[in-house]
Protein backbone atom coordinates (compact mmCIF):
# COMPACT_ATOMS: atom_id res chain seq x y z
CA UNK A 1 -24.39 33.08 -6.01
CA UNK A 2 -20.98 31.38 -6.20
CA UNK A 3 -19.86 29.25 -3.27
CA UNK A 4 -16.85 30.44 -1.31
CA UNK A 5 -13.89 28.01 -1.34
CA UNK A 6 -12.81 26.54 1.99
CA UNK A 7 -10.04 28.23 3.94
CA UNK A 8 -6.89 26.33 4.95
CA UNK A 9 -8.23 26.00 8.50
CA UNK A 10 -11.51 24.54 7.24
CA UNK A 11 -9.64 22.05 5.03
CA UNK A 12 -7.48 21.08 8.03
CA UNK A 13 -10.63 20.48 10.11
CA UNK A 14 -12.21 18.36 7.35
CA UNK A 15 -9.03 16.25 7.02
CA UNK A 16 -8.98 15.72 10.78
CA UNK A 17 -12.68 14.81 10.81
CA UNK A 18 -12.19 12.27 8.02
CA UNK A 19 -8.83 10.69 8.91
CA UNK A 20 -8.39 11.47 12.60
CA UNK A 21 -5.06 12.11 14.23
CA UNK A 22 -2.07 11.13 12.12
CA UNK A 23 0.76 9.14 13.73
CA UNK A 24 4.06 10.87 14.33
CA UNK A 25 6.55 10.72 11.46
CA UNK A 26 9.34 8.15 11.77
CA UNK A 27 12.70 9.83 12.24
CA UNK A 28 15.57 8.72 9.99
CA UNK A 29 17.51 7.31 12.96
CA UNK A 30 14.50 5.09 13.84
CA UNK A 31 14.29 3.52 10.38
CA UNK A 32 15.67 0.06 9.69
CA UNK A 33 16.52 -1.77 6.50
CA UNK A 34 14.12 -4.57 5.59
CA UNK A 35 15.68 -7.90 4.72
CA UNK A 36 13.55 -10.73 3.35
CA UNK A 37 14.66 -14.01 4.90
CA UNK A 38 12.03 -16.50 3.75
CA UNK A 39 10.41 -17.22 0.43
CA UNK A 40 7.09 -15.59 -0.37
CA UNK A 41 4.05 -17.56 0.73
CA UNK A 42 1.46 -15.72 -1.35
CA UNK A 43 2.30 -17.69 -4.53
CA UNK A 44 2.86 -21.44 -4.97
CA UNK A 45 6.27 -22.57 -6.12
CA UNK A 46 6.57 -23.16 -9.85
CA UNK A 47 7.19 -26.88 -10.38
CA UNK A 48 7.27 -26.76 -14.15
CA UNK A 49 7.44 -24.16 -16.88
CA UNK A 50 4.03 -22.38 -16.73
CA UNK A 51 3.83 -22.19 -20.53
CA UNK A 52 4.01 -25.98 -20.83
CA UNK A 53 1.55 -26.44 -17.97
CA UNK A 54 -0.99 -24.15 -19.67
CA UNK A 55 -0.63 -26.00 -22.98
CA UNK A 56 -1.08 -29.45 -21.40
CA UNK A 57 -4.26 -28.48 -19.53
CA UNK A 58 -5.79 -26.13 -22.09
CA UNK A 59 -8.43 -28.21 -23.53
């Protein structure tokens, strides 16, 4: 016997059970433009050409 596919209401319930209540959408008049003001801190500053650094310390 073939299984019956879920209805839209059942899919909506499963989404709610898995992800919970979604936050309200941000209205266009509430959006702001992002401006980066400081340098990135997730990478160190390059002090030398990385190609030369790799060649000097390769072996």
